[in-house]
Each structure stands twice: as C-alpha cells, then as structure tokens.
PDB file of N, CA and C in Angstrom:
ATOM      1  N   MET A   1       0.846  -1.177   0.000  1.00  0.00           N
ATOM      2  CA  MET A   1       0.000   0.000   0.000  1.00  0.00           C
ATOM      3  C   MET A   1       0.889   1.238   0.000  1.00  0.00           C
ATOM      4  N   VAL A   2       0.573   2.178  -0.842  1.00  0.00           N
ATOM      5  CA  VAL A   2       1.386   3.379  -0.995  1.00  0.00           C
ATOM      6  C   VAL A   2       0.638   4.553  -0.369  1.00  0.00           C
ATOM      7  N   PHE A   3       1.312   5.256   0.532  1.00  0.00           N
ATOM      8  CA  PHE A   3       0.742   6.458   1.123  1.00  0.00           C
ATOM      9  C   PHE A   3       1.209   7.656   0.317  1.00  0.00           C
ATOM     10  N   LEU A   4       0.317   8.586   0.067  1.00  0.00           N
ATOM     11  CA  LEU A   4       0.643   9.750  -0.746  1.00  0.00           C
ATOM     12  C   LEU A   4       1.030  10.956   0.095  1.00  0.00           C
ATOM     13  N   TRP A   5       1.257  10.755   1.382  1.00  0.00           N
ATOM     14  CA  TRP A   5       1.633  11.864   2.257  1.00  0.00           C
ATOM     15  C   TRP A   5       3.103  12.176   2.058  1.00  0.00           C
ATOM     16  N   THR A   6       3.422  13.434   1.737  1.00  0.00           N
ATOM     17  CA  THR A   6       4.812  13.807   1.485  1.00  0.00           C
ATOM     18  C   THR A   6       5.399  14.648   2.608  1.00  0.00           C
ATOM     19  N   GLY A   7       4.592  15.017   3.615  1.00  0.00           N
ATOM     20  CA  GLY A   7       5.089  15.817   4.724  1.00  0.00           C
ATOM     21  C   GLY A   7       5.746  14.955   5.779  1.00  0.00           C
ATOM     22  N   SER A   8       6.174  15.603   6.840  1.00  0.00           N
ATOM     23  CA  SER A   8       6.807  14.863   7.928  1.00  0.00           C
ATOM     24  C   SER A   8       5.742  14.290   8.865  1.00  0.00           C
ATOM     25  N   PHE A   9       6.171  13.419   9.758  1.00  0.00           N
ATOM     26  CA  PHE A   9       5.246  12.815  10.719  1.00  0.00           C
ATOM     27  C   PHE A   9       4.672  13.871  11.655  1.00  0.00           C
ATOM     28  N   SER A  10       5.474  14.869  11.990  1.00  0.00           N
ATOM     29  CA  SER A  10       5.013  15.924  12.890  1.00  0.00           C
ATOM     30  C   SER A  10       3.879  16.724  12.254  1.00  0.00           C
ATOM     31  N   SER A  11       3.994  17.014  10.967  1.00  0.00           N
ATOM     32  CA  SER A  11       2.932  17.777  10.318  1.00  0.00           C
ATOM     33  C   SER A  11       1.660  16.946  10.209  1.00  0.00           C
ATOM     34  N   LEU A  12       1.800  15.621  10.104  1.00  0.00           N
ATOM     35  CA  LEU A  12       0.630  14.752  10.082  1.00  0.00           C
ATOM     36  C   LEU A  12      -0.078  14.777  11.436  1.00  0.00           C
ATOM     37  N   LEU A  13       0.684  14.815  12.525  1.00  0.00           N
ATOM     38  CA  LEU A  13       0.074  14.907  13.854  1.00  0.00           C
ATOM     39  C   LEU A  13      -0.661  16.229  14.033  1.00  0.00           C
ATOM     40  N   HIS A  14      -0.088  17.316  13.519  1.00  0.00           N
ATOM     41  CA  HIS A  14      -0.758  18.613  13.599  1.00  0.00           C
ATOM     42  C   HIS A  14      -2.045  18.608  12.784  1.00  0.00           C
ATOM     43  N   LEU A  15      -2.024  17.929  11.644  1.00  0.00           N
ATOM     44  CA  LEU A  15      -3.226  17.842  10.820  1.00  0.00           C
ATOM     45  C   LEU A  15      -4.339  17.125  11.575  1.00  0.00           C
ATOM     46  N   TYR A  16      -4.044  15.995  12.207  1.00  0.00           N
ATOM     47  CA  TYR A  16      -5.052  15.270  12.970  1.00  0.00           C
ATOM     48  C   TYR A  16      -5.516  16.077  14.182  1.00  0.00           C
ATOM     49  N   HIS A  17      -4.615  16.796  14.802  1.00  0.00           N
ATOM     50  CA  HIS A  17      -4.975  17.630  15.949  1.00  0.00           C
ATOM     51  C   HIS A  17      -5.930  18.734  15.509  1.00  0.00           C
ATOM     52  N   ASP A  18      -5.653  19.362  14.378  1.00  0.00           N
ATOM     53  CA  ASP A  18      -6.528  20.412  13.870  1.00  0.00           C
ATOM     54  C   ASP A  18      -7.873  19.846  13.432  1.00  0.00           C
ATOM     55  N   LEU A  19      -7.868  18.673  12.826  1.00  0.00           N
ATOM     56  CA  LEU A  19      -9.126  18.057  12.413  1.00  0.00           C
ATOM     57  C   LEU A  19     -10.009  17.735  13.612  1.00  0.00           C
ATOM     58  N   ALA A  20      -9.410  17.332  14.707  1.00  0.00           N
ATOM     59  CA  ALA A  20     -10.185  17.049  15.916  1.00  0.00           C
ATOM     60  C   ALA A  20     -10.876  18.322  16.407  1.00  0.00           C
ATOM     61  N   GLY A  21     -10.189  19.445  16.374  1.00  0.00           N
ATOM     62  CA  GLY A  21     -10.796  20.710  16.786  1.00  0.00           C
ATOM     63  C   GLY A  21     -11.913  21.143  15.860  1.00  0.00           C
ATOM     64  N   VAL A  22     -11.721  20.971  14.566  1.00  0.00           N
ATOM     65  CA  VAL A  22     -12.753  21.337  13.594  1.00  0.00           C
ATOM     66  C   VAL A  22     -13.988  20.461  13.772  1.00  0.00           C
ATOM     67  N   ILE A  23     -13.790  19.174  13.961  1.00  0.00           N
ATOM     68  CA  ILE A  23     -14.920  18.264  14.149  1.00  0.00           C
ATOM     69  C   ILE A  23     -15.667  18.595  15.438  1.00  0.00           C
ATOM     70  N   LEU A  24     -14.948  18.899  16.498  1.00  0.00           N
ATOM     71  CA  LEU A  24     -15.585  19.264  17.762  1.00  0.00           C
ATOM     72  C   LEU A  24     -16.392  20.553  17.617  1.00  0.00           C
ATOM     73  N   PHE A  25     -15.818  21.549  16.937  1.00  0.00           N
ATOM     74  CA  PHE A  25     -16.535  22.801  16.701  1.00  0.00           C
ATOM     75  C   PHE A  25     -17.801  22.552  15.885  1.00  0.00           C
ATOM     76  N   LEU A  26     -17.689  21.778  14.805  1.00  0.00           N
ATOM     77  CA  LEU A  26     -18.849  21.513  13.959  1.00  0.00           C
ATOM     78  C   LEU A  26     -19.932  20.742  14.709  1.00  0.00           C
ATOM     79  N   PHE A  27     -19.524  19.844  15.607  1.00  0.00           N
ATOM     80  CA  PHE A  27     -20.498  19.098  16.405  1.00  0.00           C
ATOM     81  C   PHE A  27     -21.336  20.052  17.254  1.00  0.00           C
ATOM     82  N   PHE A  28     -20.684  20.943  17.998  1.00  0.00           N
ATOM     83  CA  PHE A  28     -21.422  21.871  18.849  1.00  0.00           C
ATOM     84  C   PHE A  28     -22.194  22.896  18.027  1.00  0.00           C
ATOM     85  N   PHE A  29     -21.624  23.365  16.929  1.00  0.00           N
ATOM     86  CA  PHE A  29     -22.304  24.328  16.072  1.00  0.00           C
ATOM     87  C   PHE A  29     -23.597  23.737  15.516  1.00  0.00           C
ATOM     88  N   CYS A  30     -23.520  22.519  14.986  1.00  0.00           N
ATOM     89  CA  CYS A  30     -24.710  21.882  14.421  1.00  0.00           C
ATOM     90  C   CYS A  30     -25.727  21.548  15.503  1.00  0.00           C
ATOM     91  N   ALA A  31     -25.268  21.164  16.685  1.00  0.00           N
ATOM     92  CA  ALA A  31     -26.195  20.874  17.780  1.00  0.00           C
ATOM     93  C   ALA A  31     -26.981  22.124  18.160  1.00  0.00           C
ATOM     94  N   ILE A  32     -26.322  23.266  18.203  1.00  0.00           N
ATOM     95  CA  ILE A  32     -27.015  24.511  18.544  1.00  0.00           C
ATOM     96  C   ILE A  32     -27.943  24.940  17.422  1.00  0.00           C
ATOM     97  N   VAL A  33     -27.470  24.895  16.188  1.00  0.00           N
ATOM     98  CA  VAL A  33     -28.275  25.366  15.062  1.00  0.00           C
ATOM     99  C   VAL A  33     -29.528  24.512  14.873  1.00  0.00           C
ATOM    100  N   PHE A  34     -29.389  23.195  14.984  1.00  0.00           N
ATOM    101  CA  PHE A  34     -30.513  22.325  14.664  1.00  0.00           C
ATOM    102  C   PHE A  34     -31.372  21.936  15.866  1.00  0.00           C
ATOM    103  N   PHE A  35     -30.824  21.926  17.066  1.00  0.00           N
ATOM    104  CA  PHE A  35     -31.582  21.446  18.214  1.00  0.00           C
ATOM    105  C   PHE A  35     -31.906  22.531  19.238  1.00  0.00           C
ATOM    106  N   ALA A  36     -31.168  23.617  19.289  1.00  0.00           N
ATOM    107  CA  ALA A  36     -31.436  24.661  20.287  1.00  0.00           C
ATOM    108  C   ALA A  36     -31.181  26.049  19.707  1.00  0.00           C
ATOM    109  N   PRO A  37     -31.878  26.421  18.630  1.00  0.00           N
ATOM    110  CA  PRO A  37     -31.592  27.731  18.027  1.00  0.00           C
ATOM    111  C   PRO A  37     -31.995  28.913  18.904  1.00  0.00           C
ATOM    112  N   GLU A  38     -32.960  28.706  19.810  1.00  0.00           N
ATOM    113  CA  GLU A  38     -33.398  29.810  20.664  1.00  0.00           C
ATOM    114  C   GLU A  38     -32.466  30.023  21.840  1.00  0.00           C
ATOM    115  N   MET A  39     -31.804  28.995  22.309  1.00  0.00           N
ATOM    116  CA  MET A  39     -30.855  29.029  23.424  1.00  0.00           C
ATOM    117  C   MET A  39     -31.493  29.611  24.679  1.00  0.00           C
ATOM    118  N   GLY A  40     -32.733  29.236  24.942  1.00  0.00           N
ATOM    119  CA  GLY A  40     -33.410  29.659  26.163  1.00  0.00           C
ATOM    120  C   GLY A  40     -33.698  31.141  26.232  1.00  0.00           C
ATOM    121  N   GLY A  41     -33.787  31.803  25.112  1.00  0.00           N
ATOM    122  CA  GLY A  41     -34.073  33.225  25.087  1.00  0.00           C
ATOM    123  C   GLY A  41     -32.839  34.102  25.093  1.00  0.00           C
ATOM    124  N   TYR A  42     -31.653  33.517  25.144  1.00  0.00           N
ATOM    125  CA  TYR A  42     -30.435  34.323  25.137  1.00  0.00           C
ATOM    126  C   TYR A  42     -30.052  34.763  23.729  1.00  0.00           C
ATOM    127  N   PHE A  43     -30.364  33.932  22.727  1.00  0.00           N
ATOM    128  CA  PHE A  43     -29.978  34.275  21.352  1.00  0.00           C
ATOM    129  C   PHE A  43     -31.142  34.920  20.612  1.00  0.00           C
ATOM    130  N   LEU A  44     -32.269  34.238  20.532  1.00  0.00           N
ATOM    131  CA  LEU A  44     -33.489  34.808  19.968  1.00  0.00           C
ATOM    132  C   LEU A  44     -34.409  35.119  21.133  1.00  0.00           C
ATOM    133  N   GLU A  45     -34.737  36.387  21.284  1.00  0.00           N
ATOM    134  CA  GLU A  45     -35.483  36.815  22.456  1.00  0.00           C
ATOM    135  C   GLU A  45     -36.909  36.277  22.417  1.00  0.00           C
ATOM    136  N   ILE A  46     -37.494  36.128  23.597  1.00  0.00           N
ATOM    137  CA  ILE A  46     -38.850  35.609  23.737  1.00  0.00           C
ATOM    138  C   ILE A  46     -39.880  36.477  23.003  1.00  0.00           C
ATOM    139  N   PRO A  47     -39.790  37.826  23.018  1.00  0.00           N
ATOM    140  CA  PRO A  47     -40.808  38.610  22.305  1.00  0.00           C
ATOM    141  C   PRO A  47     -40.875  38.322  20.803  1.00  0.00           C
ATOM    142  N   ASN A  48     -39.861  37.741  20.233  1.00  0.00           N
ATOM    143  CA  ASN A  48     -39.926  37.406  18.811  1.00  0.00           C
ATOM    144  C   ASN A  48     -40.932  36.295  18.538  1.00  0.00           C
ATOM    145  N   PHE A  49     -41.307  35.532  19.554  1.00  0.00           N
ATOM    146  CA  PHE A  49     -42.219  34.417  19.369  1.00  0.00           C
ATOM    147  C   PHE A  49     -43.625  34.719  19.879  1.00  0.00           C
ATOM    148  N   GLN A  50     -43.850  35.912  20.427  1.00  0.00           N
ATOM    149  CA  GLN A  50     -45.177  36.278  20.901  1.00  0.00           C
ATOM    150  C   GLN A  50     -45.994  36.848  19.746  1.00  0.00           C
ATOM    151  N   GLU A  51     -47.294  36.597  19.794  1.00  0.00           N
ATOM    152  CA  GLU A  51     -48.155  37.141  18.749  1.00  0.00           C
ATOM    153  C   GLU A  51     -48.329  38.639  18.972  1.00  0.00           C
ATOM    154  N   PRO A  52     -48.394  39.417  17.901  1.00  0.00           N
ATOM    155  CA  PRO A  52     -48.540  40.869  18.052  1.00  0.00           C
ATOM    156  C   PRO A  52     -49.955  41.237  18.498  1.00  0.00           C
ATOM    157  N   ASP A  53     -50.064  42.400  19.125  1.00  0.00           N
ATOM    158  CA  ASP A  53     -51.379  42.912  19.514  1.00  0.00           C
ATOM    159  C   ASP A  53     -52.125  43.352  18.261  1.00  0.00           C
ATOM    160  N   SER A  54     -53.416  43.083  18.259  1.00  0.00           N
ATOM    161  CA  SER A  54     -54.189  43.504  17.080  1.00  0.00           C
ATOM    162  C   SER A  54     -55.272  44.492  17.448  1.00  0.00           C
TER     163      SER A  54
END
C-alpha cells in the first residue's frame, strides 16, 4: 500500500490535531443550530415568538 503523504510525521500529527478541533466545533455548532436555536431566550429573544397585539 502506498501512502501519498509527502510531509513529515510531525505535520501529520498537527493535521489530525486540527481536524479534531474542527470536528468538535462543527459538532457543537450543528447541535445549537438544529436542536437549540433559541438558546433559552439568550440568542433569539422571547418577544420574537409572541403574537402581536391587534
């Protein structure tokens, strides 16, 4: 099996370390966007969801 990586082993470790951070960020970002967009009223305020007076 031929590996196409031409960098050093140290740069490969940095790549995996950075990928772990990106994956962790995307996990929390997607969890907030899709499951808790209101964030308990801290991000989208409660008055945005109340019906207007007529």
